[in-house]
Amino acid sequence: MTDPHSPVHAAPAAHPIDAVESVVPFIPFVIPAVGAIMIFLLAMIAVTMA
């Protein structure tokens, strides 16, 4: 058996990069940008139909 106090077991396990964790920092920039694009498109549709 191996020694449970050996340095090999003391290292923390590296977790894989999660897709959600990589996107979360960009949410404060993406949501207002998409909202602005949606408002512009809706206004353009309203003006075109009028």
PDB file of N, CA and C in Angstrom:
ATOM      1  N   MET A   1       0.834  -1.195   0.000  1.00  0.00           N
ATOM      2  CA  MET A   1       0.000   0.000   0.000  1.00  0.00           C
ATOM      3  C   MET A   1       0.866   1.240   0.000  1.00  0.00           C
ATOM      4  N   THR A   2       0.307   2.306  -0.461  1.00  0.00           N
ATOM      5  CA  THR A   2       1.043   3.567  -0.461  1.00  0.00           C
ATOM      6  C   THR A   2       0.767   4.321   0.824  1.00  0.00           C
ATOM      7  N   ASP A   3       1.651   5.209   1.143  1.00  0.00           N
ATOM      8  CA  ASP A   3       1.506   6.025   2.338  1.00  0.00           C
ATOM      9  C   ASP A   3       0.446   7.109   2.083  1.00  0.00           C
ATOM     10  N   PRO A   4      -0.614   7.205   2.912  1.00  0.00           N
ATOM     11  CA  PRO A   4      -1.658   8.231   2.658  1.00  0.00           C
ATOM     12  C   PRO A   4      -1.166   9.658   2.881  1.00  0.00           C
ATOM     13  N   HIS A   5      -0.015   9.811   3.541  1.00  0.00           N
ATOM     14  CA  HIS A   5       0.526  11.148   3.788  1.00  0.00           C
ATOM     15  C   HIS A   5       1.585  11.536   2.771  1.00  0.00           C
ATOM     16  N   SER A   6       1.682  10.808   1.703  1.00  0.00           N
ATOM     17  CA  SER A   6       2.688  11.136   0.695  1.00  0.00           C
ATOM     18  C   SER A   6       2.265  12.387  -0.079  1.00  0.00           C
ATOM     19  N   PRO A   7       3.227  13.112  -0.663  1.00  0.00           N
ATOM     20  CA  PRO A   7       2.892  14.357  -1.382  1.00  0.00           C
ATOM     21  C   PRO A   7       2.002  14.139  -2.601  1.00  0.00           C
ATOM     22  N   VAL A   8       1.960  12.919  -3.111  1.00  0.00           N
ATOM     23  CA  VAL A   8       1.115  12.659  -4.285  1.00  0.00           C
ATOM     24  C   VAL A   8      -0.349  12.844  -3.924  1.00  0.00           C
ATOM     25  N   HIS A   9      -0.754  12.412  -2.729  1.00  0.00           N
ATOM     26  CA  HIS A   9      -2.142  12.535  -2.315  1.00  0.00           C
ATOM     27  C   HIS A   9      -2.452  13.915  -1.738  1.00  0.00           C
ATOM     28  N   ALA A  10      -1.436  14.699  -1.430  1.00  0.00           N
ATOM     29  CA  ALA A  10      -1.671  16.005  -0.818  1.00  0.00           C
ATOM     30  C   ALA A  10      -2.063  17.057  -1.850  1.00  0.00           C
ATOM     31  N   ALA A  11      -1.783  16.816  -3.115  1.00  0.00           N
ATOM     32  CA  ALA A  11      -2.108  17.800  -4.150  1.00  0.00           C
ATOM     33  C   ALA A  11      -3.610  17.808  -4.399  1.00  0.00           C
ATOM     34  N   PRO A  12      -4.208  18.998  -4.496  1.00  0.00           N
ATOM     35  CA  PRO A  12      -5.656  19.053  -4.772  1.00  0.00           C
ATOM     36  C   PRO A  12      -5.952  18.584  -6.193  1.00  0.00           C
ATOM     37  N   ALA A  13      -7.077  17.950  -6.343  1.00  0.00           N
ATOM     38  CA  ALA A  13      -7.466  17.449  -7.665  1.00  0.00           C
ATOM     39  C   ALA A  13      -7.894  18.623  -8.538  1.00  0.00           C
ATOM     40  N   ALA A  14      -7.330  18.706  -9.731  1.00  0.00           N
ATOM     41  CA  ALA A  14      -7.679  19.783 -10.657  1.00  0.00           C
ATOM     42  C   ALA A  14      -8.999  19.432 -11.328  1.00  0.00           C
ATOM     43  N   HIS A  15      -9.986  20.323 -11.183  1.00  0.00           N
ATOM     44  CA  HIS A  15     -11.276  20.065 -11.817  1.00  0.00           C
ATOM     45  C   HIS A  15     -11.270  20.642 -13.227  1.00  0.00           C
ATOM     46  N   PRO A  16     -11.956  20.007 -14.141  1.00  0.00           N
ATOM     47  CA  PRO A  16     -11.983  20.511 -15.523  1.00  0.00           C
ATOM     48  C   PRO A  16     -12.734  21.842 -15.606  1.00  0.00           C
ATOM     49  N   ILE A  17     -12.408  22.618 -16.614  1.00  0.00           N
ATOM     50  CA  ILE A  17     -13.053  23.907 -16.812  1.00  0.00           C
ATOM     51  C   ILE A  17     -14.502  23.674 -17.244  1.00  0.00           C
ATOM     52  N   ASP A  18     -15.414  24.281 -16.507  1.00  0.00           N
ATOM     53  CA  ASP A  18     -16.829  24.146 -16.819  1.00  0.00           C
ATOM     54  C   ASP A  18     -17.227  25.209 -17.839  1.00  0.00           C
ATOM     55  N   ALA A  19     -18.106  24.869 -18.762  1.00  0.00           N
ATOM     56  CA  ALA A  19     -18.533  25.816 -19.801  1.00  0.00           C
ATOM     57  C   ALA A  19     -19.267  27.009 -19.186  1.00  0.00           C
ATOM     58  N   VAL A  20     -20.069  26.752 -18.164  1.00  0.00           N
ATOM     59  CA  VAL A  20     -20.818  27.839 -17.533  1.00  0.00           C
ATOM     60  C   VAL A  20     -19.876  28.792 -16.818  1.00  0.00           C
ATOM     61  N   GLU A  21     -18.867  28.254 -16.126  1.00  0.00           N
ATOM     62  CA  GLU A  21     -17.919  29.101 -15.416  1.00  0.00           C
ATOM     63  C   GLU A  21     -17.114  29.976 -16.364  1.00  0.00           C
ATOM     64  N   SER A  22     -16.895  29.534 -17.592  1.00  0.00           N
ATOM     65  CA  SER A  22     -16.127  30.335 -18.536  1.00  0.00           C
ATOM     66  C   SER A  22     -16.965  31.439 -19.163  1.00  0.00           C
ATOM     67  N   VAL A  23     -18.302  31.321 -19.118  1.00  0.00           N
ATOM     68  CA  VAL A  23     -19.182  32.321 -19.741  1.00  0.00           C
ATOM     69  C   VAL A  23     -19.642  33.380 -18.746  1.00  0.00           C
ATOM     70  N   VAL A  24     -19.725  33.035 -17.481  1.00  0.00           N
ATOM     71  CA  VAL A  24     -20.285  33.920 -16.463  1.00  0.00           C
ATOM     72  C   VAL A  24     -19.631  35.309 -16.425  1.00  0.00           C
ATOM     73  N   PRO A  25     -18.308  35.467 -16.567  1.00  0.00           N
ATOM     74  CA  PRO A  25     -17.741  36.828 -16.511  1.00  0.00           C
ATOM     75  C   PRO A  25     -18.210  37.751 -17.635  1.00  0.00           C
ATOM     76  N   PHE A  26     -18.715  37.199 -18.737  1.00  0.00           N
ATOM     77  CA  PHE A  26     -19.124  38.028 -19.867  1.00  0.00           C
ATOM     78  C   PHE A  26     -20.599  38.409 -19.824  1.00  0.00           C
ATOM     79  N   ILE A  27     -21.362  37.855 -18.886  1.00  0.00           N
ATOM     80  CA  ILE A  27     -22.803  38.110 -18.825  1.00  0.00           C
ATOM     81  C   ILE A  27     -23.134  39.592 -18.651  1.00  0.00           C
ATOM     82  N   PRO A  28     -22.443  40.358 -17.798  1.00  0.00           N
ATOM     83  CA  PRO A  28     -22.810  41.781 -17.661  1.00  0.00           C
ATOM     84  C   PRO A  28     -22.610  42.592 -18.944  1.00  0.00           C
ATOM     85  N   PHE A  29     -21.836  42.101 -19.885  1.00  0.00           N
ATOM     86  CA  PHE A  29     -21.643  42.817 -21.140  1.00  0.00           C
ATOM     87  C   PHE A  29     -22.574  42.298 -22.233  1.00  0.00           C
ATOM     88  N   VAL A  30     -22.850  41.016 -22.209  1.00  0.00           N
ATOM     89  CA  VAL A  30     -23.637  40.398 -23.283  1.00  0.00           C
ATOM     90  C   VAL A  30     -25.118  40.739 -23.160  1.00  0.00           C
ATOM     91  N   ILE A  31     -25.678  40.692 -21.963  1.00  0.00           N
ATOM     92  CA  ILE A  31     -27.116  40.922 -21.798  1.00  0.00           C
ATOM     93  C   ILE A  31     -27.515  42.343 -22.233  1.00  0.00           C
ATOM     94  N   PRO A  32     -26.830  43.407 -21.813  1.00  0.00           N
ATOM     95  CA  PRO A  32     -27.224  44.742 -22.306  1.00  0.00           C
ATOM     96  C   PRO A  32     -27.005  44.906 -23.811  1.00  0.00           C
ATOM     97  N   ALA A  33     -25.964  44.291 -24.348  1.00  0.00           N
ATOM     98  CA  ALA A  33     -25.727  44.406 -25.790  1.00  0.00           C
ATOM     99  C   ALA A  33     -26.843  43.720 -26.575  1.00  0.00           C
ATOM    100  N   VAL A  34     -27.244  42.541 -26.154  1.00  0.00           N
ATOM    101  CA  VAL A  34     -28.339  41.832 -26.826  1.00  0.00           C
ATOM    102  C   VAL A  34     -29.650  42.593 -26.647  1.00  0.00           C
ATOM    103  N   GLY A  35     -29.854  43.181 -25.477  1.00  0.00           N
ATOM    104  CA  GLY A  35     -31.056  43.988 -25.250  1.00  0.00           C
ATOM    105  C   GLY A  35     -31.107  45.201 -26.165  1.00  0.00           C
ATOM    106  N   ALA A  36     -29.969  45.858 -26.352  1.00  0.00           N
ATOM    107  CA  ALA A  36     -29.925  47.020 -27.245  1.00  0.00           C
ATOM    108  C   ALA A  36     -30.210  46.613 -28.686  1.00  0.00           C
ATOM    109  N   ILE A  37     -29.668  45.497 -29.103  1.00  0.00           N
ATOM    110  CA  ILE A  37     -29.915  45.009 -30.469  1.00  0.00           C
ATOM    111  C   ILE A  37     -31.391  44.663 -30.647  1.00  0.00           C
ATOM    112  N   MET A  38     -31.993  44.021 -29.640  1.00  0.00           N
ATOM    113  CA  MET A  38     -33.411  43.674 -29.727  1.00  0.00           C
ATOM    114  C   MET A  38     -34.289  44.919 -29.808  1.00  0.00           C
ATOM    115  N   ILE A  39     -33.982  45.944 -28.992  1.00  0.00           N
ATOM    116  CA  ILE A  39     -34.767  47.185 -29.026  1.00  0.00           C
ATOM    117  C   ILE A  39     -34.636  47.850 -30.389  1.00  0.00           C
ATOM    118  N   PHE A  40     -33.425  47.874 -30.933  1.00  0.00           N
ATOM    119  CA  PHE A  40     -33.219  48.475 -32.256  1.00  0.00           C
ATOM    120  C   PHE A  40     -34.007  47.718 -33.317  1.00  0.00           C
ATOM    121  N   LEU A  41     -33.961  46.389 -33.283  1.00  0.00           N
ATOM    122  CA  LEU A  41     -34.684  45.608 -34.289  1.00  0.00           C
ATOM    123  C   LEU A  41     -36.197  45.776 -34.162  1.00  0.00           C
ATOM    124  N   LEU A  42     -36.702  45.792 -32.937  1.00  0.00           N
ATOM    125  CA  LEU A  42     -38.128  45.997 -32.743  1.00  0.00           C
ATOM    126  C   LEU A  42     -38.564  47.378 -33.200  1.00  0.00           C
ATOM    127  N   ALA A  43     -37.752  48.402 -32.929  1.00  0.00           N
ATOM    128  CA  ALA A  43     -38.080  49.762 -33.390  1.00  0.00           C
ATOM    129  C   ALA A  43     -38.045  49.825 -34.912  1.00  0.00           C
ATOM    130  N   MET A  44     -37.080  49.156 -35.538  1.00  0.00           N
ATOM    131  CA  MET A  44     -36.994  49.160 -36.990  1.00  0.00           C
ATOM    132  C   MET A  44     -38.227  48.455 -37.600  1.00  0.00           C
ATOM    133  N   ILE A  45     -38.658  47.378 -36.989  1.00  0.00           N
ATOM    134  CA  ILE A  45     -39.861  46.691 -37.482  1.00  0.00           C
ATOM    135  C   ILE A  45     -41.093  47.591 -37.327  1.00  0.00           C
ATOM    136  N   ALA A  46     -41.200  48.277 -36.201  1.00  0.00           N
ATOM    137  CA  ALA A  46     -42.350  49.153 -35.969  1.00  0.00           C
ATOM    138  C   ALA A  46     -42.369  50.302 -36.962  1.00  0.00           C
ATOM    139  N   VAL A  47     -41.216  50.890 -37.249  1.00  0.00           N
ATOM    140  CA  VAL A  47     -41.161  51.996 -38.213  1.00  0.00           C
ATOM    141  C   VAL A  47     -41.460  51.489 -39.609  1.00  0.00           C
ATOM    142  N   THR A  48     -40.992  50.313 -39.954  1.00  0.00           N
ATOM    143  CA  THR A  48     -41.228  49.760 -41.285  1.00  0.00           C
ATOM    144  C   THR A  48     -42.717  49.459 -41.489  1.00  0.00           C
ATOM    145  N   MET A  49     -43.376  48.954 -40.447  1.00  0.00           N
ATOM    146  CA  MET A  49     -44.791  48.600 -40.583  1.00  0.00           C
ATOM    147  C   MET A  49     -45.688  49.848 -40.549  1.00  0.00           C
ATOM    148  N   ALA A  50     -45.223  50.953 -39.993  1.00  0.00           N
ATOM    149  CA  ALA A  50     -46.061  52.146 -39.861  1.00  0.00           C
ATOM    150  C   ALA A  50     -46.240  52.871 -41.187  1.00  0.00           C
TER     151      ALA A  50
END
